[in-house]
Amino acid sequence: MRKRINRKFSLVAAIVLLLAFSWDVARAQTYPSYRGKSVIGTTIDVALPDLKLYGVRAKVDTGAFTSSLHCSFIHIDSVRQKVVFTPLDHSKKYELPLVKISEVKSSNGIIQKRPFVMLKLHIAGKLFETMVSLTDRKGMKLPMLLGRRALRGRFVVDVDAPMQ
């Protein structure tokens, strides 16, 4: 009985990984390149494999230095240097190491102290790790913002490109 459950779990895990990678590979084939960098538009779908989130719509913002992700619940455990959060209004909570707490000036000019975590991102066929701030973006059109730190050296932004 236990062997059967382990096999079923292994099969399910393999299918999830296959779907995640095939999603990204299929999307990557549609991106042109310029000087070795993928050309992307002002909005793009992002995969966050650490959080098992795929197809997250993000705004590409060359005016912002850091990236940010919408979270409905954020708790900083300063003793353990961890952040507990619920991304995109989902019910599952995640716990990641706290990289730093920093002041960020939002688009409306308000300065907030935000926790930062390292997250792996799949964008246009590229897998990389970048620092992301966690904040409540429920009043914004898109749940994620990609800043220059994530874009630099990897992507060229074409403002005339269709939404990807």
N, C-alpha and C. Protein backbone atom coordinates (compact mmCIF):
# COMPACT_ATOMS: atom_id res chain seq x y z
N MET A 1 0.83 -1.19 0.00
CA MET A 1 0.00 0.00 0.00
C MET A 1 0.87 1.26 0.00
N ARG A 2 1.89 1.27 0.85
CA ARG A 2 2.76 2.43 0.96
C ARG A 2 3.54 2.66 -0.33
N LYS A 3 4.00 1.56 -0.99
CA LYS A 3 4.72 1.67 -2.24
C LYS A 3 3.83 2.30 -3.32
N ARG A 4 2.56 1.89 -3.33
CA ARG A 4 1.61 2.39 -4.32
C ARG A 4 1.41 3.90 -4.15
N ILE A 5 1.30 4.37 -2.90
CA ILE A 5 1.13 5.79 -2.62
C ILE A 5 2.37 6.56 -3.05
N ASN A 6 3.57 6.03 -2.74
CA ASN A 6 4.82 6.69 -3.14
C ASN A 6 4.92 6.78 -4.66
N ARG A 7 4.52 5.71 -5.38
CA ARG A 7 4.56 5.75 -6.85
C ARG A 7 3.59 6.79 -7.39
N LYS A 8 2.38 6.84 -6.81
CA LYS A 8 1.40 7.83 -7.25
C LYS A 8 1.91 9.24 -7.00
N PHE A 9 2.52 9.46 -5.84
CA PHE A 9 3.07 10.78 -5.52
C PHE A 9 4.18 11.13 -6.49
N SER A 10 5.08 10.19 -6.78
CA SER A 10 6.18 10.43 -7.72
C SER A 10 5.65 10.75 -9.10
N LEU A 11 4.62 10.03 -9.53
CA LEU A 11 4.02 10.26 -10.84
C LEU A 11 3.39 11.65 -10.90
N VAL A 12 2.66 12.03 -9.87
CA VAL A 12 2.04 13.36 -9.83
C VAL A 12 3.11 14.45 -9.83
N ALA A 13 4.16 14.28 -9.05
CA ALA A 13 5.25 15.26 -8.99
C ALA A 13 5.92 15.39 -10.36
N ALA A 14 6.14 14.28 -11.03
CA ALA A 14 6.77 14.31 -12.36
C ALA A 14 5.88 15.03 -13.36
N ILE A 15 4.58 14.81 -13.30
CA ILE A 15 3.64 15.47 -14.22
C ILE A 15 3.63 16.97 -13.97
N VAL A 16 3.62 17.38 -12.71
CA VAL A 16 3.63 18.81 -12.37
C VAL A 16 4.89 19.47 -12.91
N LEU A 17 6.05 18.84 -12.71
CA LEU A 17 7.30 19.40 -13.23
C LEU A 17 7.30 19.47 -14.75
N LEU A 18 6.81 18.41 -15.39
CA LEU A 18 6.75 18.40 -16.84
C LEU A 18 5.87 19.51 -17.37
N LEU A 19 4.71 19.71 -16.75
CA LEU A 19 3.81 20.79 -17.17
C LEU A 19 4.44 22.16 -16.97
N ALA A 20 5.13 22.33 -15.85
CA ALA A 20 5.78 23.63 -15.59
C ALA A 20 6.83 23.94 -16.63
N PHE A 21 7.67 22.96 -16.94
CA PHE A 21 8.72 23.21 -17.93
C PHE A 21 8.17 23.30 -19.33
N SER A 22 7.16 22.49 -19.66
CA SER A 22 6.59 22.58 -21.01
C SER A 22 5.87 23.90 -21.19
N TRP A 23 5.24 24.43 -20.13
CA TRP A 23 4.59 25.74 -20.22
C TRP A 23 5.61 26.79 -20.59
N ASP A 24 6.76 26.78 -19.92
CA ASP A 24 7.77 27.79 -20.16
C ASP A 24 8.44 27.60 -21.52
N VAL A 25 8.74 26.37 -21.90
CA VAL A 25 9.38 26.12 -23.19
C VAL A 25 8.45 26.53 -24.33
N ALA A 26 7.17 26.21 -24.22
CA ALA A 26 6.21 26.60 -25.26
C ALA A 26 6.13 28.11 -25.39
N ARG A 27 6.15 28.82 -24.28
CA ARG A 27 6.09 30.28 -24.31
C ARG A 27 7.39 30.86 -24.87
N ALA A 28 8.52 30.22 -24.58
CA ALA A 28 9.82 30.76 -24.98
C ALA A 28 10.00 30.78 -26.49
N GLN A 29 9.33 29.91 -27.20
CA GLN A 29 9.50 29.83 -28.64
C GLN A 29 8.91 31.03 -29.37
N THR A 30 8.12 31.83 -28.70
CA THR A 30 7.48 32.97 -29.35
C THR A 30 8.22 34.28 -29.15
N TYR A 31 9.36 34.28 -28.48
CA TYR A 31 10.07 35.51 -28.17
C TYR A 31 11.25 35.72 -29.11
N PRO A 32 11.28 36.85 -29.84
CA PRO A 32 12.47 37.15 -30.64
C PRO A 32 13.61 37.59 -29.73
N SER A 33 14.81 37.70 -30.29
CA SER A 33 15.92 38.15 -29.48
C SER A 33 16.66 39.28 -30.18
N TYR A 34 17.36 40.07 -29.39
CA TYR A 34 18.16 41.17 -29.88
C TYR A 34 19.44 41.19 -29.08
N ARG A 35 20.57 40.98 -29.75
CA ARG A 35 21.87 40.94 -29.09
C ARG A 35 21.92 39.96 -27.92
N GLY A 36 21.29 38.81 -28.13
CA GLY A 36 21.31 37.76 -27.12
C GLY A 36 20.31 37.94 -25.99
N LYS A 37 19.51 38.99 -26.06
CA LYS A 37 18.50 39.23 -25.03
C LYS A 37 17.12 39.00 -25.62
N SER A 38 16.22 38.42 -24.84
CA SER A 38 14.85 38.22 -25.29
C SER A 38 14.12 39.55 -25.35
N VAL A 39 13.34 39.73 -26.41
CA VAL A 39 12.54 40.95 -26.56
C VAL A 39 11.17 40.67 -25.98
N ILE A 40 10.76 41.49 -25.01
CA ILE A 40 9.46 41.32 -24.36
C ILE A 40 8.68 42.62 -24.45
N GLY A 41 7.37 42.52 -24.26
CA GLY A 41 6.51 43.69 -24.26
C GLY A 41 6.35 44.27 -22.87
N THR A 42 5.37 45.15 -22.73
CA THR A 42 5.18 45.83 -21.44
C THR A 42 4.39 45.01 -20.43
N THR A 43 3.79 43.92 -20.87
CA THR A 43 3.19 42.96 -19.95
C THR A 43 3.59 41.56 -20.41
N ILE A 44 3.72 40.67 -19.45
CA ILE A 44 4.21 39.32 -19.78
C ILE A 44 3.74 38.34 -18.71
N ASP A 45 3.61 37.07 -19.09
CA ASP A 45 3.29 36.02 -18.13
C ASP A 45 4.58 35.52 -17.49
N VAL A 46 4.54 35.34 -16.19
CA VAL A 46 5.70 34.92 -15.41
C VAL A 46 5.36 33.64 -14.66
N ALA A 47 6.32 32.74 -14.56
CA ALA A 47 6.17 31.54 -13.72
C ALA A 47 7.04 31.73 -12.49
N LEU A 48 6.48 31.40 -11.34
CA LEU A 48 7.20 31.45 -10.06
C LEU A 48 7.27 30.03 -9.50
N PRO A 49 8.26 29.23 -9.96
CA PRO A 49 8.29 27.82 -9.57
C PRO A 49 8.44 27.59 -8.07
N ASP A 50 9.10 28.50 -7.34
CA ASP A 50 9.23 28.34 -5.88
C ASP A 50 7.86 28.33 -5.21
N LEU A 51 6.92 29.06 -5.80
CA LEU A 51 5.58 29.18 -5.22
C LEU A 51 4.55 28.34 -5.97
N LYS A 52 5.00 27.60 -6.98
CA LYS A 52 4.12 26.77 -7.81
C LYS A 52 3.02 27.61 -8.47
N LEU A 53 3.40 28.80 -8.93
CA LEU A 53 2.47 29.70 -9.60
C LEU A 53 2.94 29.89 -11.05
N TYR A 54 2.03 29.71 -11.99
CA TYR A 54 2.37 29.80 -13.40
C TYR A 54 1.37 30.71 -14.10
N GLY A 55 1.83 31.45 -15.09
CA GLY A 55 0.95 32.34 -15.83
C GLY A 55 0.56 33.59 -15.05
N VAL A 56 1.43 34.04 -14.15
CA VAL A 56 1.15 35.25 -13.38
C VAL A 56 1.40 36.45 -14.30
N ARG A 57 0.41 37.29 -14.45
CA ARG A 57 0.52 38.46 -15.32
C ARG A 57 1.36 39.53 -14.63
N ALA A 58 2.36 40.08 -15.34
CA ALA A 58 3.24 41.08 -14.74
C ALA A 58 3.38 42.28 -15.65
N LYS A 59 3.52 43.44 -15.04
CA LYS A 59 3.80 44.68 -15.76
C LYS A 59 5.31 44.85 -15.79
N VAL A 60 5.84 45.12 -16.98
CA VAL A 60 7.27 45.38 -17.12
C VAL A 60 7.45 46.88 -16.94
N ASP A 61 8.19 47.26 -15.90
CA ASP A 61 8.33 48.68 -15.55
C ASP A 61 9.80 49.06 -15.47
N THR A 62 10.32 49.67 -16.54
CA THR A 62 11.73 50.06 -16.56
C THR A 62 12.00 51.25 -15.65
N GLY A 63 10.96 51.89 -15.16
CA GLY A 63 11.11 53.00 -14.23
C GLY A 63 11.28 52.55 -12.79
N ALA A 64 10.96 51.29 -12.52
CA ALA A 64 11.09 50.74 -11.17
C ALA A 64 12.38 49.94 -11.08
N PHE A 65 13.10 50.09 -9.98
CA PHE A 65 14.34 49.34 -9.83
C PHE A 65 14.06 47.90 -9.41
N THR A 66 13.17 47.73 -8.43
CA THR A 66 12.90 46.39 -7.90
C THR A 66 11.58 45.84 -8.43
N SER A 67 11.43 44.55 -8.32
CA SER A 67 10.18 43.86 -8.69
C SER A 67 9.34 43.71 -7.43
N SER A 68 8.03 43.57 -7.63
CA SER A 68 7.16 43.36 -6.48
C SER A 68 6.06 42.36 -6.83
N LEU A 69 5.58 41.68 -5.81
CA LEU A 69 4.54 40.66 -5.96
C LEU A 69 3.41 40.95 -4.98
N HIS A 70 2.17 40.84 -5.48
CA HIS A 70 1.00 41.06 -4.63
C HIS A 70 0.86 39.92 -3.63
N CYS A 71 0.70 40.27 -2.36
CA CYS A 71 0.45 39.30 -1.29
C CYS A 71 -0.67 39.84 -0.41
N SER A 72 -1.59 38.96 -0.05
CA SER A 72 -2.71 39.39 0.79
C SER A 72 -2.38 39.29 2.28
N PHE A 73 -1.37 38.53 2.63
CA PHE A 73 -0.96 38.37 4.03
C PHE A 73 0.56 38.38 4.06
N ILE A 74 1.14 39.23 4.90
CA ILE A 74 2.59 39.28 5.04
C ILE A 74 2.92 39.40 6.52
N HIS A 75 3.73 38.47 7.04
CA HIS A 75 4.18 38.52 8.43
C HIS A 75 5.70 38.34 8.46
N ILE A 76 6.39 39.27 9.08
CA ILE A 76 7.84 39.21 9.18
C ILE A 76 8.21 38.66 10.55
N ASP A 77 8.95 37.56 10.54
CA ASP A 77 9.46 36.98 11.78
C ASP A 77 10.92 37.41 11.90
N SER A 78 11.16 38.54 12.59
CA SER A 78 12.51 39.10 12.66
C SER A 78 13.46 38.26 13.50
N VAL A 79 12.94 37.45 14.39
CA VAL A 79 13.80 36.59 15.20
C VAL A 79 14.41 35.50 14.33
N ARG A 80 13.60 34.86 13.52
CA ARG A 80 14.06 33.77 12.64
C ARG A 80 14.51 34.26 11.27
N GLN A 81 14.36 35.58 11.00
CA GLN A 81 14.70 36.16 9.70
C GLN A 81 13.96 35.46 8.56
N LYS A 82 12.64 35.31 8.74
CA LYS A 82 11.76 34.67 7.75
C LYS A 82 10.58 35.58 7.46
N VAL A 83 9.98 35.37 6.30
CA VAL A 83 8.74 36.07 5.93
C VAL A 83 7.70 35.01 5.62
N VAL A 84 6.54 35.13 6.24
CA VAL A 84 5.40 34.26 5.95
C VAL A 84 4.42 35.11 5.14
N PHE A 85 3.98 34.58 3.99
CA PHE A 85 3.11 35.38 3.13
C PHE A 85 2.19 34.50 2.30
N THR A 86 1.11 35.10 1.84
CA THR A 86 0.15 34.45 0.96
C THR A 86 0.12 35.21 -0.36
N PRO A 87 0.71 34.64 -1.42
CA PRO A 87 0.76 35.37 -2.70
C PRO A 87 -0.56 35.32 -3.46
N LEU A 88 -0.87 36.40 -4.14
CA LEU A 88 -2.00 36.47 -5.07
C LEU A 88 -3.34 36.06 -4.47
N ASP A 89 -3.56 36.36 -3.22
CA ASP A 89 -4.82 36.05 -2.53
C ASP A 89 -5.16 34.56 -2.50
N HIS A 90 -4.16 33.70 -2.64
CA HIS A 90 -4.39 32.26 -2.53
C HIS A 90 -4.51 31.91 -1.05
N SER A 91 -4.90 30.70 -0.76
CA SER A 91 -5.07 30.30 0.63
C SER A 91 -3.79 29.72 1.23
N LYS A 92 -2.84 29.30 0.39
CA LYS A 92 -1.62 28.68 0.90
C LYS A 92 -0.61 29.73 1.34
N LYS A 93 -0.03 29.51 2.52
CA LYS A 93 1.00 30.41 3.04
C LYS A 93 2.38 29.81 2.75
N TYR A 94 3.31 30.69 2.44
CA TYR A 94 4.69 30.29 2.17
C TYR A 94 5.61 30.97 3.17
N GLU A 95 6.74 30.33 3.43
CA GLU A 95 7.73 30.91 4.33
C GLU A 95 9.08 30.88 3.62
N LEU A 96 9.69 32.05 3.47
CA LEU A 96 11.00 32.15 2.82
C LEU A 96 11.93 33.00 3.68
N PRO A 97 13.24 32.84 3.49
CA PRO A 97 14.20 33.67 4.22
C PRO A 97 14.03 35.15 3.85
N LEU A 98 14.11 35.99 4.84
CA LEU A 98 14.04 37.44 4.64
C LEU A 98 15.41 37.92 4.18
N VAL A 99 15.47 38.57 3.01
CA VAL A 99 16.73 39.10 2.50
C VAL A 99 17.01 40.45 3.15
N LYS A 100 16.00 41.31 3.14
CA LYS A 100 16.15 42.62 3.77
C LYS A 100 14.78 43.27 3.89
N ILE A 101 14.71 44.31 4.69
CA ILE A 101 13.54 45.19 4.74
C ILE A 101 14.04 46.55 4.28
N SER A 102 13.37 47.10 3.28
CA SER A 102 13.85 48.34 2.71
C SER A 102 12.69 49.28 2.41
N GLU A 103 12.97 50.57 2.41
CA GLU A 103 11.96 51.55 2.06
C GLU A 103 11.85 51.64 0.54
N VAL A 104 10.60 51.59 0.05
CA VAL A 104 10.33 51.66 -1.38
C VAL A 104 9.31 52.75 -1.61
N LYS A 105 9.58 53.60 -2.60
CA LYS A 105 8.63 54.65 -2.96
C LYS A 105 7.70 54.10 -4.03
N SER A 106 6.41 54.00 -3.72
CA SER A 106 5.44 53.43 -4.66
C SER A 106 5.08 54.46 -5.74
N SER A 107 4.31 54.01 -6.72
CA SER A 107 3.94 54.86 -7.85
C SER A 107 3.14 56.09 -7.42
N ASN A 108 2.45 56.00 -6.30
CA ASN A 108 1.67 57.15 -5.83
C ASN A 108 2.49 58.07 -4.90
N GLY A 109 3.78 57.78 -4.75
CA GLY A 109 4.67 58.64 -3.98
C GLY A 109 4.79 58.30 -2.51
N ILE A 110 4.06 57.32 -2.05
CA ILE A 110 4.10 56.93 -0.64
C ILE A 110 5.30 56.00 -0.40
N ILE A 111 6.04 56.26 0.66
CA ILE A 111 7.19 55.42 1.01
C ILE A 111 6.73 54.35 1.99
N GLN A 112 7.02 53.09 1.65
CA GLN A 112 6.64 51.95 2.49
C GLN A 112 7.88 51.15 2.84
N LYS A 113 7.87 50.52 4.01
CA LYS A 113 8.90 49.54 4.35
C LYS A 113 8.38 48.18 3.88
N ARG A 114 9.17 47.52 3.04
CA ARG A 114 8.74 46.24 2.47
C ARG A 114 9.78 45.16 2.70
N PRO A 115 9.30 43.92 2.92
CA PRO A 115 10.22 42.78 3.00
C PRO A 115 10.61 42.32 1.59
N PHE A 116 11.85 41.87 1.45
CA PHE A 116 12.34 41.34 0.19
C PHE A 116 12.74 39.89 0.36
N VAL A 117 12.41 39.08 -0.65
CA VAL A 117 12.79 37.67 -0.69
C VAL A 117 13.42 37.38 -2.05
N MET A 118 14.16 36.29 -2.13
CA MET A 118 14.70 35.84 -3.41
C MET A 118 13.73 34.82 -4.00
N LEU A 119 13.35 35.03 -5.26
CA LEU A 119 12.45 34.11 -5.95
C LEU A 119 13.02 33.74 -7.31
N LYS A 120 12.79 32.49 -7.71
CA LYS A 120 13.14 32.07 -9.06
C LYS A 120 12.00 32.48 -9.99
N LEU A 121 12.36 33.02 -11.15
CA LEU A 121 11.38 33.43 -12.15
C LEU A 121 11.67 32.73 -13.47
N HIS A 122 10.62 32.30 -14.15
CA HIS A 122 10.70 31.80 -15.53
C HIS A 122 10.04 32.86 -16.39
N ILE A 123 10.84 33.51 -17.24
CA ILE A 123 10.28 34.52 -18.14
C ILE A 123 10.91 34.32 -19.51
N ALA A 124 10.09 34.18 -20.53
CA ALA A 124 10.55 34.08 -21.92
C ALA A 124 11.65 33.03 -22.07
N GLY A 125 11.48 31.89 -21.43
CA GLY A 125 12.44 30.80 -21.57
C GLY A 125 13.67 30.93 -20.70
N LYS A 126 13.75 31.94 -19.87
CA LYS A 126 14.92 32.13 -19.00
C LYS A 126 14.53 31.89 -17.55
N LEU A 127 15.34 31.11 -16.87
CA LEU A 127 15.15 30.84 -15.44
C LEU A 127 16.25 31.56 -14.69
N PHE A 128 15.86 32.41 -13.74
CA PHE A 128 16.84 33.15 -12.95
C PHE A 128 16.23 33.50 -11.61
N GLU A 129 17.10 33.90 -10.69
CA GLU A 129 16.67 34.28 -9.35
C GLU A 129 16.86 35.78 -9.19
N THR A 130 15.88 36.42 -8.58
CA THR A 130 15.97 37.86 -8.35
C THR A 130 15.29 38.22 -7.03
N MET A 131 15.61 39.41 -6.54
CA MET A 131 15.01 39.90 -5.31
C MET A 131 13.65 40.53 -5.63
N VAL A 132 12.64 40.17 -4.84
CA VAL A 132 11.27 40.65 -5.06
C VAL A 132 10.72 41.18 -3.75
N SER A 133 10.08 42.35 -3.80
CA SER A 133 9.43 42.87 -2.59
C SER A 133 8.01 42.31 -2.52
N LEU A 134 7.54 42.12 -1.32
CA LEU A 134 6.18 41.62 -1.08
C LEU A 134 5.33 42.78 -0.59
N THR A 135 4.19 43.00 -1.25
CA THR A 135 3.34 44.12 -0.89
C THR A 135 1.91 43.86 -1.33
N ASP A 136 1.00 44.67 -0.84
CA ASP A 136 -0.41 44.57 -1.23
C ASP A 136 -0.59 45.41 -2.49
N ARG A 137 -0.83 44.75 -3.63
CA ARG A 137 -1.03 45.43 -4.92
C ARG A 137 -2.47 45.29 -5.40
N LYS A 138 -3.41 45.05 -4.49
CA LYS A 138 -4.79 44.78 -4.93
C LYS A 138 -5.42 45.94 -5.68
N GLY A 139 -4.96 47.16 -5.50
CA GLY A 139 -5.51 48.29 -6.24
C GLY A 139 -4.89 48.46 -7.63
N MET A 140 -3.89 47.65 -7.93
CA MET A 140 -3.20 47.74 -9.22
C MET A 140 -3.84 46.80 -10.24
N LYS A 141 -3.59 47.07 -11.52
CA LYS A 141 -4.18 46.24 -12.58
C LYS A 141 -3.58 44.84 -12.62
N LEU A 142 -2.27 44.73 -12.36
CA LEU A 142 -1.59 43.44 -12.46
C LEU A 142 -0.95 43.09 -11.12
N PRO A 143 -0.90 41.79 -10.79
CA PRO A 143 -0.41 41.37 -9.47
C PRO A 143 1.11 41.41 -9.30
N MET A 144 1.84 41.60 -10.40
CA MET A 144 3.30 41.61 -10.28
C MET A 144 3.89 42.73 -11.12
N LEU A 145 5.00 43.26 -10.64
CA LEU A 145 5.73 44.30 -11.36
C LEU A 145 7.17 43.83 -11.51
N LEU A 146 7.70 43.91 -12.72
CA LEU A 146 9.10 43.55 -12.97
C LEU A 146 9.91 44.81 -13.14
N GLY A 147 10.90 44.99 -12.29
CA GLY A 147 11.75 46.18 -12.34
C GLY A 147 13.06 45.92 -13.07
N ARG A 148 13.88 46.97 -13.15
CA ARG A 148 15.14 46.91 -13.90
C ARG A 148 16.10 45.84 -13.39
N ARG A 149 16.11 45.60 -12.09
CA ARG A 149 17.04 44.59 -11.53
C ARG A 149 16.78 43.22 -12.16
N ALA A 150 15.53 42.86 -12.36
CA ALA A 150 15.19 41.56 -12.96
C ALA A 150 15.42 41.57 -14.48
N LEU A 151 15.27 42.74 -15.11
CA LEU A 151 15.36 42.84 -16.57
C LEU A 151 16.79 42.97 -17.07
N ARG A 152 17.64 43.65 -16.31
CA ARG A 152 18.99 44.01 -16.77
C ARG A 152 19.80 42.80 -17.22
N GLY A 153 20.34 42.91 -18.44
CA GLY A 153 21.20 41.87 -18.99
C GLY A 153 20.46 40.68 -19.55
N ARG A 154 19.14 40.63 -19.41
CA ARG A 154 18.35 39.48 -19.86
C ARG A 154 17.34 39.82 -20.95
N PHE A 155 16.76 41.02 -20.85
CA PHE A 155 15.63 41.36 -21.72
C PHE A 155 15.78 42.76 -22.31
N VAL A 156 15.15 42.93 -23.48
CA VAL A 156 14.98 44.23 -24.10
C VAL A 156 13.47 44.44 -24.15
N VAL A 157 13.01 45.63 -23.75
CA VAL A 157 11.58 45.91 -23.70
C VAL A 157 11.18 46.66 -24.97
N ASP A 158 10.21 46.09 -25.68
CA ASP A 158 9.65 46.71 -26.89
C ASP A 158 8.24 47.18 -26.54
N VAL A 159 8.06 48.49 -26.41
CA VAL A 159 6.76 49.02 -26.00
C VAL A 159 5.69 48.83 -27.06
N ASP A 160 6.09 48.55 -28.30
CA ASP A 160 5.13 48.29 -29.38
C ASP A 160 4.76 46.83 -29.51
N ALA A 161 5.43 45.96 -28.76
CA ALA A 161 5.16 44.51 -28.84
C ALA A 161 3.79 44.23 -28.27
N PRO A 162 3.09 43.25 -28.84
CA PRO A 162 1.77 42.89 -28.29
C PRO A 162 1.93 42.29 -26.89
N MET A 163 0.84 42.31 -26.13
CA MET A 163 0.89 41.72 -24.78
C MET A 163 1.24 40.25 -24.90
N GLN A 164 2.18 39.80 -24.09
CA GLN A 164 2.68 38.42 -24.19
C GLN A 164 2.27 37.61 -22.99
